[in-house]
């Protein structure tokens, strides 16, 4: 049986998963990844987060708060960036400073978990999922520093590592398509856009039902197809700029393609964002709209 085509996870996060009615899908994915029973309280937004996203081509699709008062950043990244590790460090630091009020003690600093779904190869490593956390090791005794009873009560944390940000890097493209456990079932979906009938991961059956492309209206399906086409075009442009490939066609052909992409994006993005994506000037984009 051929699996039905599903909406990509990043599109779903932008359009569908922000609804409380669909939290169970995102909760399922995060529960499998973090090995915890995740309950989302709300979706968080901020003007600085939006501005940073547009300025850096950053696909921070969701920032959520769970029932433990932790903030989870979920980003889908297609573009190859050599300074990506520094950028996610900046992202978590920015969230920390955004969510501590003036005159409040440092004990109220929020725990941040950064989940990064990557469609390019970052660094060198054989695995497709990496987890980073902070630990303090003794130089002489090789023991790990622990919180004392007063600190655990004050921070409401069990370990030192729970105070600091954590990072998850999912290198989707190197996953071998063999679902060995329920987390792999989610990775399979992230890579292939399909969910098999045999999959049992938390939230994945709800995802198969609610993310079916056939359930979209004609207008939404057309917008989604344009979005996917834009991702392919953007990936090709980035690949060429870093010397990882060559985009075929003349300079005139590239300009015409940029104009076509801009025309498709006029009804869903502002002029500045379209300019960043296509390389066209604001004046050229206004001329297309006219």
Protein backbone atom coordinates (compact mmCIF):
# COMPACT_ATOMS: atom_id res chain seq x y z
CA UNK A 1 0.00 0.00 0.00
CA UNK A 2 1.36 3.44 -0.99
CA UNK A 3 1.54 5.84 1.95
CA UNK A 4 -0.34 9.11 1.52
CA UNK A 5 1.67 12.28 1.12
CA UNK A 6 1.84 14.33 4.32
CA UNK A 7 2.58 17.96 5.00
CA UNK A 8 6.20 18.67 5.97
CA UNK A 9 6.79 19.15 9.68
CA UNK A 10 7.99 22.75 9.35
CA UNK A 11 4.89 23.76 7.37
CA UNK A 12 2.73 22.05 9.98
CA UNK A 13 4.45 23.99 12.76
CA UNK A 14 3.83 27.26 10.95
CA UNK A 15 0.18 26.62 10.09
CA UNK A 16 -1.35 23.77 12.11
CA UNK A 17 0.55 22.87 15.26
CA UNK A 18 0.09 26.30 16.81
CA UNK A 19 -3.52 25.36 17.46
CA UNK A 20 -4.21 23.90 20.90
CA UNK A 21 -6.34 21.24 19.21
CA UNK A 22 -3.17 19.87 17.58
CA UNK A 23 -0.80 20.09 20.57
CA UNK A 24 -0.91 16.29 20.92
CA UNK A 25 1.13 15.90 17.71
CA UNK A 26 3.93 18.15 18.90
CA UNK A 27 3.72 16.69 22.42
CA UNK A 28 4.14 13.22 20.95
CA UNK A 29 7.28 14.13 19.01
CA UNK A 30 8.85 15.95 21.97
CA UNK A 31 7.94 13.18 24.41
CA UNK A 32 9.72 10.60 22.24
CA UNK A 33 12.78 12.81 21.74
CA UNK A 34 13.17 14.01 25.34
CA UNK A 35 12.11 10.68 26.88
CA UNK A 36 9.59 12.48 29.06
CA UNK A 37 5.85 13.04 29.18
CA UNK A 38 5.71 16.51 27.62
CA UNK A 39 2.63 18.68 28.09
CA UNK A 40 2.53 21.99 26.22
CA UNK A 41 0.88 24.90 27.99
CA UNK A 42 1.18 27.56 25.31
CA UNK A 43 2.94 28.83 22.21
CA UNK A 44 5.24 31.79 22.91
CA UNK A 45 6.11 34.59 20.53
CA UNK A 46 8.12 37.79 20.79
CA UNK A 47 8.95 40.62 18.43
CA UNK A 48 12.68 40.08 18.88
CA UNK A 49 12.33 36.41 18.01
CA UNK A 50 10.44 37.26 14.82
CA UNK A 51 12.99 39.90 13.85
CA UNK A 52 15.91 37.56 14.44
CA UNK A 53 14.26 34.83 12.41
CA UNK A 54 13.80 37.05 9.37
CA UNK A 55 17.22 38.65 9.61
CA UNK A 56 19.12 35.37 9.76
CA UNK A 57 16.98 33.07 7.61
CA UNK A 58 16.39 31.27 10.87
CA UNK A 59 13.50 28.81 10.82
CA UNK A 60 12.60 28.99 14.51
CA UNK A 61 9.11 27.70 13.85
CA UNK A 62 7.92 27.29 17.43
CA UNK A 63 8.81 28.38 20.93
CA UNK A 64 6.67 26.56 23.47
CA UNK A 65 6.33 26.44 27.24
CA UNK A 66 5.65 23.10 28.91
CA UNK A 67 4.04 22.29 32.24
CA UNK A 68 7.46 22.32 33.96
CA UNK A 69 7.92 25.98 33.00
CA UNK A 70 10.65 25.00 30.54
CA UNK A 71 10.89 26.68 27.16
CA UNK A 72 11.50 24.50 24.11
CA UNK A 73 12.73 26.05 20.88
CA UNK A 74 12.03 23.95 17.78
CA UNK A 75 13.77 24.88 14.56
CA UNK A 76 13.79 23.30 11.13
CA UNK A 77 16.86 24.34 9.15
CA UNK A 78 17.46 23.58 5.47
CA UNK A 79 20.25 26.05 4.70
CA UNK A 80 23.85 25.03 5.31
CA UNK A 81 25.48 27.35 7.87
CA UNK A 82 29.05 26.89 9.08
CA UNK A 83 28.39 28.97 12.21
CA UNK A 84 25.17 27.15 13.08
CA UNK A 85 26.40 25.97 16.50
CA UNK A 86 27.17 29.54 17.53
CA UNK A 87 23.78 30.62 16.27
CA UNK A 88 21.83 28.14 18.37
CA UNK A 89 23.91 29.23 21.37
CA UNK A 90 22.87 32.79 20.64
CA UNK A 91 19.24 31.67 20.29
CA UNK A 92 19.09 30.00 23.69
CA UNK A 93 20.87 32.92 25.35
CA UNK A 94 18.37 35.33 23.83
CA UNK A 95 15.43 33.31 25.16
CA UNK A 96 16.97 33.28 28.65
CA UNK A 97 17.39 37.05 28.72
CA UNK A 98 13.90 37.59 27.28
CA UNK A 99 12.26 35.56 30.02
CA UNK A 100 13.84 36.94 33.17
CA UNK A 101 12.27 40.09 34.52
CA UNK A 102 14.29 43.03 35.81
CA UNK A 103 15.22 42.93 39.50
CA UNK A 104 14.46 39.20 39.71
CA UNK A 105 17.11 36.79 41.12
CA UNK A 106 19.08 34.48 38.85
CA UNK A 107 17.32 31.51 40.41
CA UNK A 108 14.33 32.40 38.20
CA UNK A 109 16.25 31.88 34.96
CA UNK A 110 14.20 29.61 32.73
CA UNK A 111 15.41 26.23 31.48
CA UNK A 112 15.73 26.23 27.67
CA UNK A 113 15.79 23.17 25.41
CA UNK A 114 16.84 23.74 21.80
CA UNK A 115 15.58 21.13 19.29
CA UNK A 116 17.14 21.47 15.85
CA UNK A 117 15.88 19.46 12.87
CA UNK A 118 18.62 19.76 10.24
CA UNK A 119 18.47 18.91 6.55
CA UNK A 120 22.19 19.47 5.99
CA UNK A 121 25.25 17.79 7.44
CA UNK A 122 26.62 19.63 10.47
CA UNK A 123 30.13 18.77 11.57
CA UNK A 124 31.53 15.24 11.55
CA UNK A 125 29.75 12.40 13.31
CA UNK A 126 28.29 8.99 12.53
CA UNK A 127 25.05 9.38 14.47
CA UNK A 128 21.91 11.18 13.30
CA UNK A 129 20.81 12.43 16.74
CA UNK A 130 23.11 14.29 19.12
CA UNK A 131 22.35 15.60 22.61
CA UNK A 132 24.38 18.31 24.33
CA UNK A 133 24.15 19.24 28.02
CA UNK A 134 26.36 20.88 30.66
CA UNK A 135 28.20 18.86 33.31
CA UNK A 136 30.95 19.89 35.73
CA UNK A 137 33.66 17.24 36.24
CA UNK A 138 36.25 17.23 39.02
CA UNK A 139 39.80 17.54 37.67
CA UNK A 140 41.24 15.40 40.46
CA UNK A 141 38.45 13.09 41.61
CA UNK A 142 36.63 12.84 38.26
CA UNK A 143 33.32 13.22 40.11
CA UNK A 144 30.37 15.22 38.78
CA UNK A 145 29.23 18.31 40.69
CA UNK A 146 25.76 17.90 42.20
CA UNK A 147 23.21 20.33 43.63
CA UNK A 148 22.84 20.32 47.38
CA UNK A 149 19.45 20.08 49.06
CA UNK A 150 18.98 23.85 49.37
CA UNK A 151 19.82 24.42 45.72
CA UNK A 152 17.43 21.69 44.58
CA UNK A 153 14.68 23.38 46.59
CA UNK A 154 15.52 26.87 45.30
CA UNK A 155 16.00 25.95 41.63
CA UNK A 156 13.37 23.23 41.63
CA UNK A 157 15.92 21.14 39.70
CA UNK A 158 17.46 17.78 40.49
CA UNK A 159 20.86 18.22 38.82
CA UNK A 160 23.31 20.89 37.70
CA UNK A 161 22.69 19.99 34.07
CA UNK A 162 19.00 20.82 34.49
CA UNK A 163 19.89 24.46 35.15
CA UNK A 164 21.67 25.00 31.83
CA UNK A 165 20.33 24.85 28.26
CA UNK A 166 20.22 21.53 26.43
CA UNK A 167 20.58 20.97 22.71
CA UNK A 168 19.29 18.28 20.38
CA UNK A 169 20.64 18.05 16.83
CA UNK A 170 18.71 15.78 14.47
CA UNK A 171 20.62 15.22 11.21
CA UNK A 172 17.68 14.00 9.18
CA UNK A 173 19.48 13.35 5.90
CA UNK A 174 21.82 10.68 7.28
CA UNK A 175 19.05 8.62 8.90
CA UNK A 176 19.09 5.18 7.20
CA UNK A 177 15.28 4.82 7.04
CA UNK A 178 15.26 1.91 9.50
CA UNK A 179 12.88 2.65 12.40
CA UNK A 180 14.46 0.81 15.32
CA UNK A 181 12.32 2.48 17.98
CA UNK A 182 9.46 4.94 18.34
CA UNK A 183 11.72 8.00 18.09
CA UNK A 184 13.04 6.65 14.78
CA UNK A 185 9.45 6.52 13.55
CA UNK A 186 9.29 10.29 13.95
CA UNK A 187 12.67 10.71 12.24
CA UNK A 188 11.40 8.58 9.36
CA UNK A 189 8.47 10.97 8.98
CA UNK A 190 10.75 14.02 9.13
CA UNK A 191 12.89 12.61 6.33
CA UNK A 192 10.32 10.98 4.07
CA UNK A 193 7.04 12.76 4.79
CA UNK A 194 5.38 9.39 5.34
CA UNK A 195 4.01 7.52 8.35
CA UNK A 196 3.62 3.77 8.11
CA UNK A 197 0.52 2.02 9.42
CA UNK A 198 2.72 -0.02 11.77
CA UNK A 199 4.19 3.02 13.55
CA UNK A 200 3.28 3.31 17.24
CA UNK A 201 5.13 6.42 18.45
CA UNK A 202 3.26 8.82 20.70
CA UNK A 203 1.27 11.33 18.64
CA UNK A 204 2.24 9.86 15.29
CA UNK A 205 -1.16 8.42 14.40
CA UNK A 206 -2.72 11.83 15.06
CA UNK A 207 -0.05 13.33 12.79
CA UNK A 208 -0.93 10.88 10.01
CA UNK A 209 -4.58 11.90 10.19
CA UNK A 210 -4.22 15.65 10.60
CA UNK A 211 -1.22 16.28 8.32
CA UNK A 212 -2.69 14.59 5.24
CA UNK A 213 -2.25 16.89 2.26
CA UNK A 214 -5.58 15.77 0.89
CA UNK A 215 -7.23 17.34 3.92
CA UNK A 216 -6.05 20.80 2.85
CA UNK A 217 -8.26 23.17 0.94
CA UNK A 218 -7.30 23.90 -2.66
CA UNK A 219 -5.90 27.29 -1.63
CA UNK A 220 -3.85 25.81 1.22
CA UNK A 221 -2.53 23.01 -1.01
CA UNK A 222 -1.48 25.52 -3.66
CA UNK A 223 0.30 27.64 -1.03
CA UNK A 224 2.02 24.54 0.36
CA UNK A 225 3.25 23.48 -3.10
CA UNK A 226 4.66 26.95 -3.65
CA UNK A 227 6.37 26.79 -0.28
CA UNK A 228 8.03 23.46 -1.10
CA UNK A 229 9.14 24.79 -4.48
CA UNK A 230 10.63 27.83 -2.77
CA UNK A 231 12.58 25.59 -0.38
CA UNK A 232 14.09 23.69 -3.31
CA UNK A 233 15.07 26.93 -4.99
CA UNK A 234 16.52 28.43 -1.83
CA UNK A 235 18.51 25.26 -1.10
CA UNK A 236 19.99 25.36 -4.60
CA UNK A 237 20.98 29.00 -4.22
CA UNK A 238 22.65 28.36 -0.85
CA UNK A 239 24.44 25.27 -2.16
CA UNK A 240 25.87 27.25 -5.02
CA UNK A 241 26.97 30.16 -2.82
CA UNK A 242 29.03 27.83 -0.60
CA UNK A 243 30.59 26.01 -3.51
CA UNK A 244 28.79 22.72 -2.90
CA UNK A 245 27.13 22.67 -6.30
CA UNK A 246 26.41 24.64 -9.42
CA UNK A 247 22.98 25.89 -10.38
CA UNK A 248 22.39 25.41 -14.09
CA UNK A 249 21.25 28.27 -16.24
CA UNK A 250 22.37 31.72 -17.23
CA UNK A 251 22.29 34.82 -15.06
CA UNK A 252 19.21 35.95 -16.94
CA UNK A 253 17.51 32.65 -16.22
CA UNK A 254 18.25 32.97 -12.51
CA UNK A 255 16.81 36.48 -12.46
CA UNK A 256 13.65 35.27 -14.18
CA UNK A 257 13.34 32.42 -11.66
CA UNK A 258 13.70 34.90 -8.79
CA UNK A 259 10.92 37.01 -10.29
CA UNK A 260 8.67 33.95 -10.53
CA UNK A 261 9.34 33.01 -6.90
CA UNK A 262 8.71 36.59 -5.77
CA UNK A 263 5.38 36.66 -7.61
CA UNK A 264 4.28 33.48 -5.83
CA UNK A 265 5.25 34.87 -2.42
CA UNK A 266 3.60 38.27 -2.70
CA UNK A 267 0.38 37.19 -0.99
CA UNK A 268 2.07 35.54 2.01
CA UNK A 269 5.31 37.47 2.77
CA UNK A 270 6.36 41.11 3.09
CA UNK A 271 8.66 42.83 0.59
CA UNK A 272 11.73 42.72 2.87
CA UNK A 273 11.51 38.96 3.44
CA UNK A 274 10.94 38.27 -0.28
CA UNK A 275 13.99 40.40 -1.07
CA UNK A 276 16.11 38.33 1.31
CA UNK A 277 14.89 35.08 -0.22
CA UNK A 278 15.23 36.04 -3.90
CA UNK A 279 18.02 38.62 -4.06
CA UNK A 280 15.72 41.10 -5.79
CA UNK A 281 15.51 44.73 -4.70
CA UNK A 282 12.42 46.16 -2.99
CA UNK A 283 11.81 48.28 -6.09
CA UNK A 284 11.88 45.22 -8.37
CA UNK A 285 9.40 43.41 -6.11
CA UNK A 286 7.07 46.41 -6.02
CA UNK A 287 7.20 46.50 -9.82
CA UNK A 288 6.10 42.84 -9.94
CA UNK A 289 3.14 43.60 -7.66
CA UNK A 290 2.17 46.59 -9.79
